[in-house]
Amino acid sequence: MAKLTLADIKRRGGRVDRARVQATTAAEIDQQAREDGTESDLPGPAYPSPATVRRQLKLTQTDIATLVGVPVATWRNWEQGRVSLDPAVRTLLRVLWREPDAVRRAMVA
């Protein structure tokens, strides 16, 4: 397998059509998941919303952002849907929802 340097990668450029990726709707993603056989078998939403988690824990935006180690502006963007949540954030939300004390123990040094 050939090894590429960062300079090589930058020179080659990417092959992802970012406009097409951004234009993909949730319905199209669901259809593709069904066709691939990778759709979720979980009942209900795969993860709770950031606002739901925060309200369940009875924390302010500042407090929960501090708990998970992100800027308050980032948490607000998640709650307001300004940015899509990456898989790590969705996993964090599920863990916060199901095991908030474990997160507190892990995040407080």
PDB file of N, CA and C in Angstrom:
ATOM      1  N   MET A   1       0.841  -1.173   0.000  1.00  0.00           N
ATOM      2  CA  MET A   1       0.000   0.000   0.000  1.00  0.00           C
ATOM      3  C   MET A   1       0.888   1.239   0.000  1.00  0.00           C
ATOM      4  N   ALA A   2       0.611   2.152  -0.891  1.00  0.00           N
ATOM      5  CA  ALA A   2       1.417   3.364  -1.006  1.00  0.00           C
ATOM      6  C   ALA A   2       1.102   4.310   0.153  1.00  0.00           C
ATOM      7  N   LYS A   3       2.128   4.953   0.644  1.00  0.00           N
ATOM      8  CA  LYS A   3       1.948   5.927   1.709  1.00  0.00           C
ATOM      9  C   LYS A   3       1.958   7.308   1.081  1.00  0.00           C
ATOM     10  N   LEU A   4       1.012   8.131   1.533  1.00  0.00           N
ATOM     11  CA  LEU A   4       0.924   9.492   1.045  1.00  0.00           C
ATOM     12  C   LEU A   4       1.287  10.454   2.153  1.00  0.00           C
ATOM     13  N   THR A   5       1.978  11.488   1.784  1.00  0.00           N
ATOM     14  CA  THR A   5       2.265  12.546   2.745  1.00  0.00           C
ATOM     15  C   THR A   5       1.095  13.518   2.738  1.00  0.00           C
ATOM     16  N   LEU A   6       1.040  14.369   3.741  1.00  0.00           N
ATOM     17  CA  LEU A   6      -0.004  15.376   3.795  1.00  0.00           C
ATOM     18  C   LEU A   6       0.067  16.284   2.573  1.00  0.00           C
ATOM     19  N   ALA A   7       1.264  16.609   2.141  1.00  0.00           N
ATOM     20  CA  ALA A   7       1.434  17.450   0.946  1.00  0.00           C
ATOM     21  C   ALA A   7       0.843  16.757  -0.283  1.00  0.00           C
ATOM     22  N   ASP A   8       1.054  15.429  -0.407  1.00  0.00           N
ATOM     23  CA  ASP A   8       0.484  14.672  -1.526  1.00  0.00           C
ATOM     24  C   ASP A   8      -1.041  14.737  -1.508  1.00  0.00           C
ATOM     25  N   ILE A   9      -1.602  14.566  -0.326  1.00  0.00           N
ATOM     26  CA  ILE A   9      -3.060  14.582  -0.197  1.00  0.00           C
ATOM     27  C   ILE A   9      -3.609  15.950  -0.569  1.00  0.00           C
ATOM     28  N   LYS A  10      -2.969  17.008  -0.082  1.00  0.00           N
ATOM     29  CA  LYS A  10      -3.429  18.357  -0.408  1.00  0.00           C
ATOM     30  C   LYS A  10      -3.313  18.636  -1.900  1.00  0.00           C
ATOM     31  N   ARG A  11      -2.249  18.155  -2.516  1.00  0.00           N
ATOM     32  CA  ARG A  11      -2.038  18.373  -3.942  1.00  0.00           C
ATOM     33  C   ARG A  11      -3.110  17.663  -4.773  1.00  0.00           C
ATOM     34  N   ARG A  12      -3.462  16.473  -4.373  1.00  0.00           N
ATOM     35  CA  ARG A  12      -4.445  15.683  -5.124  1.00  0.00           C
ATOM     36  C   ARG A  12      -5.853  16.242  -4.989  1.00  0.00           C
ATOM     37  N   GLY A  13      -6.145  16.846  -3.853  1.00  0.00           N
ATOM     38  CA  GLY A  13      -7.485  17.348  -3.616  1.00  0.00           C
ATOM     39  C   GLY A  13      -8.432  16.210  -3.267  1.00  0.00           C
ATOM     40  N   GLY A  14      -9.607  16.547  -2.842  1.00  0.00           N
ATOM     41  CA  GLY A  14     -10.580  15.525  -2.464  1.00  0.00           C
ATOM     42  C   GLY A  14     -11.448  15.099  -3.627  1.00  0.00           C
ATOM     43  N   ARG A  15     -12.054  13.953  -3.462  1.00  0.00           N
ATOM     44  CA  ARG A  15     -12.962  13.458  -4.484  1.00  0.00           C
ATOM     45  C   ARG A  15     -14.407  13.446  -4.018  1.00  0.00           C
ATOM     46  N   VAL A  16     -14.675  14.052  -2.888  1.00  0.00           N
ATOM     47  CA  VAL A  16     -16.029  14.094  -2.360  1.00  0.00           C
ATOM     48  C   VAL A  16     -16.757  15.290  -2.956  1.00  0.00           C
ATOM     49  N   ASP A  17     -17.948  15.041  -3.481  1.00  0.00           N
ATOM     50  CA  ASP A  17     -18.783  16.110  -4.009  1.00  0.00           C
ATOM     51  C   ASP A  17     -19.564  16.694  -2.832  1.00  0.00           C
ATOM     52  N   ARG A  18     -18.976  17.693  -2.180  1.00  0.00           N
ATOM     53  CA  ARG A  18     -19.565  18.229  -0.951  1.00  0.00           C
ATOM     54  C   ARG A  18     -20.941  18.839  -1.181  1.00  0.00           C
ATOM     55  N   ALA A  19     -21.175  19.451  -2.321  1.00  0.00           N
ATOM     56  CA  ALA A  19     -22.493  20.029  -2.604  1.00  0.00           C
ATOM     57  C   ALA A  19     -23.546  18.925  -2.647  1.00  0.00           C
ATOM     58  N   ARG A  20     -23.203  17.805  -3.234  1.00  0.00           N
ATOM     59  CA  ARG A  20     -24.141  16.686  -3.305  1.00  0.00           C
ATOM     60  C   ARG A  20     -24.394  16.092  -1.917  1.00  0.00           C
ATOM     61  N   VAL A  21     -23.349  15.989  -1.118  1.00  0.00           N
ATOM     62  CA  VAL A  21     -23.503  15.466   0.242  1.00  0.00           C
ATOM     63  C   VAL A  21     -24.417  16.384   1.049  1.00  0.00           C
ATOM     64  N   GLN A  22     -24.193  17.688   0.972  1.00  0.00           N
ATOM     65  CA  GLN A  22     -25.011  18.639   1.722  1.00  0.00           C
ATOM     66  C   GLN A  22     -26.462  18.648   1.249  1.00  0.00           C
ATOM     67  N   ALA A  23     -26.685  18.334  -0.023  1.00  0.00           N
ATOM     68  CA  ALA A  23     -28.037  18.345  -0.580  1.00  0.00           C
ATOM     69  C   ALA A  23     -28.815  17.067  -0.277  1.00  0.00           C
ATOM     70  N   THR A  24     -28.159  16.052   0.259  1.00  0.00           N
ATOM     71  CA  THR A  24     -28.827  14.790   0.555  1.00  0.00           C
ATOM     72  C   THR A  24     -29.793  14.976   1.714  1.00  0.00           C
ATOM     73  N   THR A  25     -31.039  14.556   1.508  1.00  0.00           N
ATOM     74  CA  THR A  25     -32.068  14.714   2.540  1.00  0.00           C
ATOM     75  C   THR A  25     -32.070  13.525   3.488  1.00  0.00           C
ATOM     76  N   ALA A  26     -32.727  13.704   4.628  1.00  0.00           N
ATOM     77  CA  ALA A  26     -32.833  12.618   5.606  1.00  0.00           C
ATOM     78  C   ALA A  26     -33.591  11.433   5.002  1.00  0.00           C
ATOM     79  N   ALA A  27     -34.608  11.716   4.175  1.00  0.00           N
ATOM     80  CA  ALA A  27     -35.374  10.631   3.537  1.00  0.00           C
ATOM     81  C   ALA A  27     -34.475   9.819   2.600  1.00  0.00           C
ATOM     82  N   GLU A  28     -33.591  10.498   1.871  1.00  0.00           N
ATOM     83  CA  GLU A  28     -32.671   9.786   0.978  1.00  0.00           C
ATOM     84  C   GLU A  28     -31.676   8.942   1.780  1.00  0.00           C
ATOM     85  N   ILE A  29     -31.231   9.468   2.897  1.00  0.00           N
ATOM     86  CA  ILE A  29     -30.304   8.711   3.751  1.00  0.00           C
ATOM     87  C   ILE A  29     -31.007   7.470   4.301  1.00  0.00           C
ATOM     88  N   ASP A  30     -32.253   7.634   4.752  1.00  0.00           N
ATOM     89  CA  ASP A  30     -33.019   6.488   5.254  1.00  0.00           C
ATOM     90  C   ASP A  30     -33.216   5.441   4.168  1.00  0.00           C
ATOM     91  N   GLN A  31     -33.527   5.889   2.950  1.00  0.00           N
ATOM     92  CA  GLN A  31     -33.716   4.965   1.826  1.00  0.00           C
ATOM     93  C   GLN A  31     -32.417   4.210   1.540  1.00  0.00           C
ATOM     94  N   GLN A  32     -31.300   4.920   1.543  1.00  0.00           N
ATOM     95  CA  GLN A  32     -30.012   4.273   1.299  1.00  0.00           C
ATOM     96  C   GLN A  32     -29.690   3.261   2.402  1.00  0.00           C
ATOM     97  N   ALA A  33     -30.025   3.602   3.643  1.00  0.00           N
ATOM     98  CA  ALA A  33     -29.775   2.675   4.757  1.00  0.00           C
ATOM     99  C   ALA A  33     -30.610   1.413   4.606  1.00  0.00           C
ATOM    100  N   ARG A  34     -31.865   1.562   4.173  1.00  0.00           N
ATOM    101  CA  ARG A  34     -32.716   0.382   3.943  1.00  0.00           C
ATOM    102  C   ARG A  34     -32.146  -0.481   2.827  1.00  0.00           C
ATOM    103  N   GLU A  35     -31.699   0.164   1.756  1.00  0.00           N
ATOM    104  CA  GLU A  35     -31.125  -0.579   0.628  1.00  0.00           C
ATOM    105  C   GLU A  35     -29.827  -1.289   1.032  1.00  0.00           C
ATOM    106  N   ASP A  36     -29.025  -0.637   1.881  1.00  0.00           N
ATOM    107  CA  ASP A  36     -27.755  -1.221   2.329  1.00  0.00           C
ATOM    108  C   ASP A  36     -27.939  -2.250   3.435  1.00  0.00           C
ATOM    109  N   GLY A  37     -29.112  -2.225   4.083  1.00  0.00           N
ATOM    110  CA  GLY A  37     -29.328  -3.100   5.224  1.00  0.00           C
ATOM    111  C   GLY A  37     -28.664  -2.586   6.482  1.00  0.00           C
ATOM    112  N   THR A  38     -28.427  -1.272   6.544  1.00  0.00           N
ATOM    113  CA  THR A  38     -27.753  -0.700   7.714  1.00  0.00           C
ATOM    114  C   THR A  38     -28.675   0.175   8.541  1.00  0.00           C
ATOM    115  N   GLU A  39     -29.983   0.086   8.316  1.00  0.00           N
ATOM    116  CA  GLU A  39     -30.893   0.923   9.081  1.00  0.00           C
ATOM    117  C   GLU A  39     -30.872   0.481  10.543  1.00  0.00           C
ATOM    118  N   SER A  40     -31.201   1.408  11.414  1.00  0.00           N
ATOM    119  CA  SER A  40     -31.151   1.151  12.848  1.00  0.00           C
ATOM    120  C   SER A  40     -32.315   0.268  13.266  1.00  0.00           C
ATOM    121  N   ASP A  41     -32.050  -0.695  14.133  1.00  0.00           N
ATOM    122  CA  ASP A  41     -33.092  -1.535  14.690  1.00  0.00           C
ATOM    123  C   ASP A  41     -33.578  -1.005  16.031  1.00  0.00           C
ATOM    124  N   LEU A  42     -33.080   0.159  16.425  1.00  0.00           N
ATOM    125  CA  LEU A  42     -33.457   0.715  17.712  1.00  0.00           C
ATOM    126  C   LEU A  42     -34.869   1.286  17.653  1.00  0.00           C
ATOM    127  N   PRO A  43     -35.678   1.043  18.679  1.00  0.00           N
ATOM    128  CA  PRO A  43     -37.011   1.655  18.700  1.00  0.00           C
ATOM    129  C   PRO A  43     -36.896   3.142  19.002  1.00  0.00           C
ATOM    130  N   GLY A  44     -37.689   3.943  18.348  1.00  0.00           N
ATOM    131  CA  GLY A  44     -37.675   5.377  18.590  1.00  0.00           C
ATOM    132  C   GLY A  44     -36.433   6.030  18.039  1.00  0.00           C
ATOM    133  N   PRO A  45     -36.193   7.286  18.426  1.00  0.00           N
ATOM    134  CA  PRO A  45     -35.008   7.977  17.925  1.00  0.00           C
ATOM    135  C   PRO A  45     -33.737   7.303  18.421  1.00  0.00           C
ATOM    136  N   ALA A  46     -32.717   7.349  17.589  1.00  0.00           N
ATOM    137  CA  ALA A  46     -31.447   6.709  17.944  1.00  0.00           C
ATOM    138  C   ALA A  46     -30.745   7.437  19.083  1.00  0.00           C
ATOM    139  N   TYR A  47     -31.067   8.696  19.270  1.00  0.00           N
ATOM    140  CA  TYR A  47     -30.452   9.473  20.338  1.00  0.00           C
ATOM    141  C   TYR A  47     -31.389  10.607  20.717  1.00  0.00           C
ATOM    142  N   PRO A  48     -31.378  11.045  21.972  1.00  0.00           N
ATOM    143  CA  PRO A  48     -32.212  12.172  22.386  1.00  0.00           C
ATOM    144  C   PRO A  48     -31.613  13.489  21.916  1.00  0.00           C
ATOM    145  N   SER A  49     -32.431  14.506  21.856  1.00  0.00           N
ATOM    146  CA  SER A  49     -31.915  15.818  21.446  1.00  0.00           C
ATOM    147  C   SER A  49     -31.081  16.418  22.579  1.00  0.00           C
ATOM    148  N   PRO A  50     -30.157  17.299  22.235  1.00  0.00           N
ATOM    149  CA  PRO A  50     -29.356  17.955  23.270  1.00  0.00           C
ATOM    150  C   PRO A  50     -30.215  18.676  24.312  1.00  0.00           C
ATOM    151  N   ALA A  51     -31.270  19.347  23.853  1.00  0.00           N
ATOM    152  CA  ALA A  51     -32.131  20.070  24.792  1.00  0.00           C
ATOM    153  C   ALA A  51     -32.844  19.114  25.735  1.00  0.00           C
ATOM    154  N   THR A  52     -33.283  17.972  25.227  1.00  0.00           N
ATOM    155  CA  THR A  52     -33.960  16.982  26.055  1.00  0.00           C
ATOM    156  C   THR A  52     -33.030  16.462  27.143  1.00  0.00           C
ATOM    157  N   VAL A  53     -31.806  16.148  26.762  1.00  0.00           N
ATOM    158  CA  VAL A  53     -30.821  15.651  27.733  1.00  0.00           C
ATOM    159  C   VAL A  53     -30.565  16.709  28.804  1.00  0.00           C
ATOM    160  N   ARG A  54     -30.364  17.930  28.375  1.00  0.00           N
ATOM    161  CA  ARG A  54     -30.057  19.010  29.328  1.00  0.00           C
ATOM    162  C   ARG A  54     -31.206  19.215  30.306  1.00  0.00           C
ATOM    163  N   ARG A  55     -32.429  19.204  29.789  1.00  0.00           N
ATOM    164  CA  ARG A  55     -33.591  19.398  30.666  1.00  0.00           C
ATOM    165  C   ARG A  55     -33.753  18.234  31.635  1.00  0.00           C
ATOM    166  N   GLN A  56     -33.508  17.012  31.165  1.00  0.00           N
ATOM    167  CA  GLN A  56     -33.614  15.850  32.045  1.00  0.00           C
ATOM    168  C   GLN A  56     -32.622  15.965  33.200  1.00  0.00           C
ATOM    169  N   LEU A  57     -31.427  16.456  32.908  1.00  0.00           N
ATOM    170  CA  LEU A  57     -30.398  16.595  33.933  1.00  0.00           C
ATOM    171  C   LEU A  57     -30.561  17.856  34.771  1.00  0.00           C
ATOM    172  N   LYS A  58     -31.536  18.698  34.373  1.00  0.00           N
ATOM    173  CA  LYS A  58     -31.808  19.954  35.085  1.00  0.00           C
ATOM    174  C   LYS A  58     -30.563  20.838  35.169  1.00  0.00           C
ATOM    175  N   LEU A  59     -29.886  20.983  34.023  1.00  0.00           N
ATOM    176  CA  LEU A  59     -28.681  21.809  33.942  1.00  0.00           C
ATOM    177  C   LEU A  59     -28.913  22.980  33.000  1.00  0.00           C
ATOM    178  N   THR A  60     -28.157  24.043  33.224  1.00  0.00           N
ATOM    179  CA  THR A  60     -28.171  25.157  32.280  1.00  0.00           C
ATOM    180  C   THR A  60     -27.282  24.786  31.096  1.00  0.00           C
ATOM    181  N   GLN A  61     -27.378  25.562  30.026  1.00  0.00           N
ATOM    182  CA  GLN A  61     -26.506  25.325  28.881  1.00  0.00           C
ATOM    183  C   GLN A  61     -25.041  25.455  29.282  1.00  0.00           C
ATOM    184  N   THR A  62     -24.751  26.422  30.116  1.00  0.00           N
ATOM    185  CA  THR A  62     -23.369  26.622  30.570  1.00  0.00           C
ATOM    186  C   THR A  62     -22.884  25.420  31.371  1.00  0.00           C
ATOM    187  N   ASP A  63     -23.732  24.924  32.269  1.00  0.00           N
ATOM    188  CA  ASP A  63     -23.324  23.791  33.112  1.00  0.00           C
ATOM    189  C   ASP A  63     -23.092  22.523  32.297  1.00  0.00           C
ATOM    190  N   ILE A  64     -23.980  22.223  31.362  1.00  0.00           N
ATOM    191  CA  ILE A  64     -23.810  20.982  30.599  1.00  0.00           C
ATOM    192  C   ILE A  64     -22.638  21.094  29.628  1.00  0.00           C
ATOM    193  N   ALA A  65     -22.430  22.287  29.070  1.00  0.00           N
ATOM    194  CA  ALA A  65     -21.276  22.477  28.183  1.00  0.00           C
ATOM    195  C   ALA A  65     -19.977  22.274  28.961  1.00  0.00           C
ATOM    196  N   THR A  66     -19.939  22.770  30.181  1.00  0.00           N
ATOM    197  CA  THR A  66     -18.759  22.570  31.029  1.00  0.00           C
ATOM    198  C   THR A  66     -18.586  21.090  31.347  1.00  0.00           C
ATOM    199  N   LEU A  67     -19.682  20.408  31.655  1.00  0.00           N
ATOM    200  CA  LEU A  67     -19.622  18.987  31.984  1.00  0.00           C
ATOM    201  C   LEU A  67     -19.016  18.161  30.853  1.00  0.00           C
ATOM    202  N   VAL A  68     -19.465  18.424  29.612  1.00  0.00           N
ATOM    203  CA  VAL A  68     -18.975  17.608  28.495  1.00  0.00           C
ATOM    204  C   VAL A  68     -17.721  18.187  27.840  1.00  0.00           C
ATOM    205  N   GLY A  69     -17.276  19.355  28.285  1.00  0.00           N
ATOM    206  CA  GLY A  69     -16.023  19.910  27.803  1.00  0.00           C
ATOM    207  C   GLY A  69     -16.082  20.582  26.452  1.00  0.00           C
ATOM    208  N   VAL A  70     -17.205  21.244  26.170  1.00  0.00           N
ATOM    209  CA  VAL A  70     -17.319  21.990  24.912  1.00  0.00           C
ATOM    210  C   VAL A  70     -17.676  23.438  25.230  1.00  0.00           C
ATOM    211  N   PRO A  71     -17.391  24.354  24.312  1.00  0.00           N
ATOM    212  CA  PRO A  71     -17.820  25.743  24.533  1.00  0.00           C
ATOM    213  C   PRO A  71     -19.346  25.839  24.579  1.00  0.00           C
ATOM    214  N   VAL A  72     -19.851  26.789  25.351  1.00  0.00           N
ATOM    215  CA  VAL A  72     -21.296  26.999  25.454  1.00  0.00           C
ATOM    216  C   VAL A  72     -21.893  27.250  24.073  1.00  0.00           C
ATOM    217  N   ALA A  73     -21.206  27.988  23.228  1.00  0.00           N
ATOM    218  CA  ALA A  73     -21.713  28.283  21.881  1.00  0.00           C
ATOM    219  C   ALA A  73     -21.919  26.991  21.092  1.00  0.00           C
ATOM    220  N   THR A  74     -21.041  26.023  21.279  1.00  0.00           N
ATOM    221  CA  THR A  74     -21.185  24.744  20.588  1.00  0.00           C
ATOM    222  C   THR A  74     -22.446  24.036  21.058  1.00  0.00           C
ATOM    223  N   TRP A  75     -22.647  23.978  22.377  1.00  0.00           N
ATOM    224  CA  TRP A  75     -23.857  23.327  22.899  1.00  0.00           C
ATOM    225  C   TRP A  75     -25.105  24.036  22.371  1.00  0.00           C
ATOM    226  N   ARG A  76     -25.101  25.357  22.363  1.00  0.00           N
ATOM    227  CA  ARG A  76     -26.261  26.114  21.850  1.00  0.00           C
ATOM    228  C   ARG A  76     -26.509  25.779  20.382  1.00  0.00           C
ATOM    229  N   ASN A  77     -25.448  25.688  19.601  1.00  0.00           N
ATOM    230  CA  ASN A  77     -25.606  25.330  18.190  1.00  0.00           C
ATOM    231  C   ASN A  77     -26.223  23.945  18.051  1.00  0.00           C
ATOM    232  N   TRP A  78     -25.813  23.007  18.903  1.00  0.00           N
ATOM    233  CA  TRP A  78     -26.402  21.661  18.865  1.00  0.00           C
ATOM    234  C   TRP A  78     -27.880  21.721  19.202  1.00  0.00           C
ATOM    235  N   GLU A  79     -28.212  22.456  20.264  1.00  0.00           N
ATOM    236  CA  GLU A  79     -29.615  22.535  20.681  1.00  0.00           C
ATOM    237  C   GLU A  79     -30.485  23.197  19.626  1.00  0.00           C
ATOM    238  N   GLN A  80     -29.973  24.217  18.996  1.00  0.00           N
ATOM    239  CA  GLN A  80     -30.761  24.977  18.034  1.00  0.00           C
ATOM    240  C   GLN A  80     -30.702  24.402  16.626  1.00  0.00           C
ATOM    241  N   GLY A  81     -29.969  23.304  16.455  1.00  0.00           N
ATOM    242  CA  GLY A  81     -29.920  22.644  15.159  1.00  0.00           C
ATOM    243  C   GLY A  81     -29.126  23.390  14.108  1.00  0.00           C
ATOM    244  N   ARG A  82     -28.266  24.279  14.515  1.00  0.00           N
ATOM    245  CA  ARG A  82     -27.457  25.041  13.555  1.00  0.00           C
ATOM    246  C   ARG A  82     -26.398  24.179  12.883  1.00  0.00           C
ATOM    247  N   VAL A  83     -25.981  23.134  13.585  1.00  0.00           N
ATOM    248  CA  VAL A  83     -24.985  22.212  13.038  1.00  0.00           C
ATOM    249  C   VAL A  83     -25.508  20.790  13.212  1.00  0.00           C
ATOM    250  N   SER A  84     -25.108  19.912  12.318  1.00  0.00           N
ATOM    251  CA  SER A  84     -25.507  18.518  12.473  1.00  0.00           C
ATOM    252  C   SER A  84     -24.589  17.856  13.495  1.00  0.00           C
ATOM    253  N   LEU A  85     -25.139  16.880  14.178  1.00  0.00           N
ATOM    254  CA  LEU A  85     -24.384  16.200  15.225  1.00  0.00           C
ATOM    255  C   LEU A  85     -23.610  15.048  14.624  1.00  0.00           C
ATOM    256  N   ASP A  86     -22.320  15.000  14.902  1.00  0.00           N
ATOM    257  CA  ASP A  86     -21.527  13.889  14.393  1.00  0.00           C
ATOM    258  C   ASP A  86     -21.771  12.655  15.268  1.00  0.00           C
ATOM    259  N   PRO A  87     -21.360  11.478  14.820  1.00  0.00           N
ATOM    260  CA  PRO A  87     -21.646  10.247  15.569  1.00  0.00           C
ATOM    261  C   PRO A  87     -21.146  10.257  17.013  1.00  0.00           C
ATOM    262  N   ALA A  88     -20.012  10.880  17.274  1.00  0.00           N
ATOM    263  CA  ALA A  88     -19.493  10.918  18.643  1.00  0.00           C
ATOM    264  C   ALA A  88     -20.424  11.714  19.555  1.00  0.00           C
ATOM    265  N   VAL A  89     -20.975  12.807  19.053  1.00  0.00           N
ATOM    266  CA  VAL A  89     -21.891  13.628  19.847  1.00  0.00           C
ATOM    267  C   VAL A  89     -23.185  12.858  20.095  1.00  0.00           C
ATOM    268  N   ARG A  90     -23.686  12.180  19.071  1.00  0.00           N
ATOM    269  CA  ARG A  90     -24.910  11.393  19.247  1.00  0.00           C
ATOM    270  C   ARG A  90     -24.702  10.300  20.301  1.00  0.00           C
ATOM    271  N   THR A  91     -23.536   9.676  20.289  1.00  0.00           N
ATOM    272  CA  THR A  91     -23.225   8.650  21.292  1.00  0.00           C
ATOM    273  C   THR A  91     -23.154   9.273  22.674  1.00  0.00           C
ATOM    274  N   LEU A  92     -22.503  10.424  22.784  1.00  0.00           N
ATOM    275  CA  LEU A  92     -22.425  11.122  24.065  1.00  0.00           C
ATOM    276  C   LEU A  92     -23.818  11.439  24.592  1.00  0.00           C
ATOM    277  N   LEU A  93     -24.713  11.884  23.723  1.00  0.00           N
ATOM    278  CA  LEU A  93     -26.088  12.194  24.151  1.00  0.00           C
ATOM    279  C   LEU A  93     -26.797  10.957  24.681  1.00  0.00           C
ATOM    280  N   ARG A  94     -26.606   9.813  23.994  1.00  0.00           N
ATOM    281  CA  ARG A  94     -27.238   8.573  24.471  1.00  0.00           C
ATOM    282  C   ARG A  94     -26.687   8.172  25.836  1.00  0.00           C
ATOM    283  N   VAL A  95     -25.376   8.313  26.026  1.00  0.00           N
ATOM    284  CA  VAL A  95     -24.781   7.949  27.313  1.00  0.00           C
ATOM    285  C   VAL A  95     -25.250   8.920  28.398  1.00  0.00           C
ATOM    286  N   LEU A  96     -25.273  10.209  28.097  1.00  0.00           N
ATOM    287  CA  LEU A  96     -25.773  11.188  29.058  1.00  0.00           C
ATOM    288  C   LEU A  96     -27.226  10.886  29.444  1.00  0.00           C
ATOM    289  N   TRP A  97     -28.026  10.477  28.473  1.00  0.00           N
ATOM    290  CA  TRP A  97     -29.438  10.178  28.690  1.00  0.00           C
ATOM    291  C   TRP A  97     -29.602   8.954  29.589  1.00  0.00           C
ATOM    292  N   ARG A  98     -28.804   7.926  29.321  1.00  0.00           N
ATOM    293  CA  ARG A  98     -28.973   6.651  30.033  1.00  0.00           C
ATOM    294  C   ARG A  98     -28.150   6.554  31.308  1.00  0.00           C
ATOM    295  N   GLU A  99     -26.949   7.119  31.309  1.00  0.00           N
ATOM    296  CA  GLU A  99     -26.024   6.983  32.448  1.00  0.00           C
ATOM    297  C   GLU A  99     -25.369   8.319  32.802  1.00  0.00           C
ATOM    298  N   PRO A 100     -26.154   9.304  33.221  1.00  0.00           N
ATOM    299  CA  PRO A 100     -25.569  10.619  33.490  1.00  0.00           C
ATOM    300  C   PRO A 100     -24.512  10.600  34.593  1.00  0.00           C
ATOM    301  N   ASP A 101     -24.705   9.749  35.607  1.00  0.00           N
ATOM    302  CA  ASP A 101     -23.718   9.706  36.690  1.00  0.00           C
ATOM    303  C   ASP A 101     -22.379   9.160  36.219  1.00  0.00           C
ATOM    304  N   ALA A 102     -22.418   8.208  35.292  1.00  0.00           N
ATOM    305  CA  ALA A 102     -21.165   7.668  34.744  1.00  0.00           C
ATOM    306  C   ALA A 102     -20.409   8.752  33.988  1.00  0.00           C
ATOM    307  N   VAL A 103     -21.134   9.588  33.245  1.00  0.00           N
ATOM    308  CA  VAL A 103     -20.487  10.684  32.514  1.00  0.00           C
ATOM    309  C   VAL A 103     -19.886  11.673  33.499  1.00  0.00           C
ATOM    310  N   ARG A 104     -20.637  11.980  34.540  1.00  0.00           N
ATOM    311  CA  ARG A 104     -20.114  12.927  35.545  1.00  0.00           C
ATOM    312  C   ARG A 104     -18.832  12.389  36.160  1.00  0.00           C
ATOM    313  N   ARG A 105     -18.834  11.103  36.519  1.00  0.00           N
ATOM    314  CA  ARG A 105     -17.630  10.519  37.118  1.00  0.00           C
ATOM    315  C   ARG A 105     -16.464  10.545  36.139  1.00  0.00           C
ATOM    316  N   ALA A 106     -16.747  10.248  34.867  1.00  0.00           N
ATOM    317  CA  ALA A 106     -15.681  10.193  33.880  1.00  0.00           C
ATOM    318  C   ALA A 106     -15.143  11.575  33.517  1.00  0.00           C
ATOM    319  N   MET A 107     -15.998  12.566  33.503  1.00  0.00           N
ATOM    320  CA  MET A 107     -15.587  13.890  33.030  1.00  0.00           C
ATOM    321  C   MET A 107     -15.011  14.773  34.137  1.00  0.00           C
ATOM    322  N   VAL A 108     -15.339  14.505  35.371  1.00  0.00           N
ATOM    323  CA  VAL A 108     -14.824  15.318  36.474  1.00  0.00           C
ATOM    324  C   VAL A 108     -13.559  14.661  36.995  1.00  0.00           C
ATOM    325  N   ALA A 109     -12.465  15.354  36.816  1.00  0.00           N
ATOM    326  CA  ALA A 109     -11.167  14.774  37.238  1.00  0.00           C
ATOM    327  C   ALA A 109     -10.829  15.193  38.631  1.00  0.00           C
TER     328      ALA A 109
END
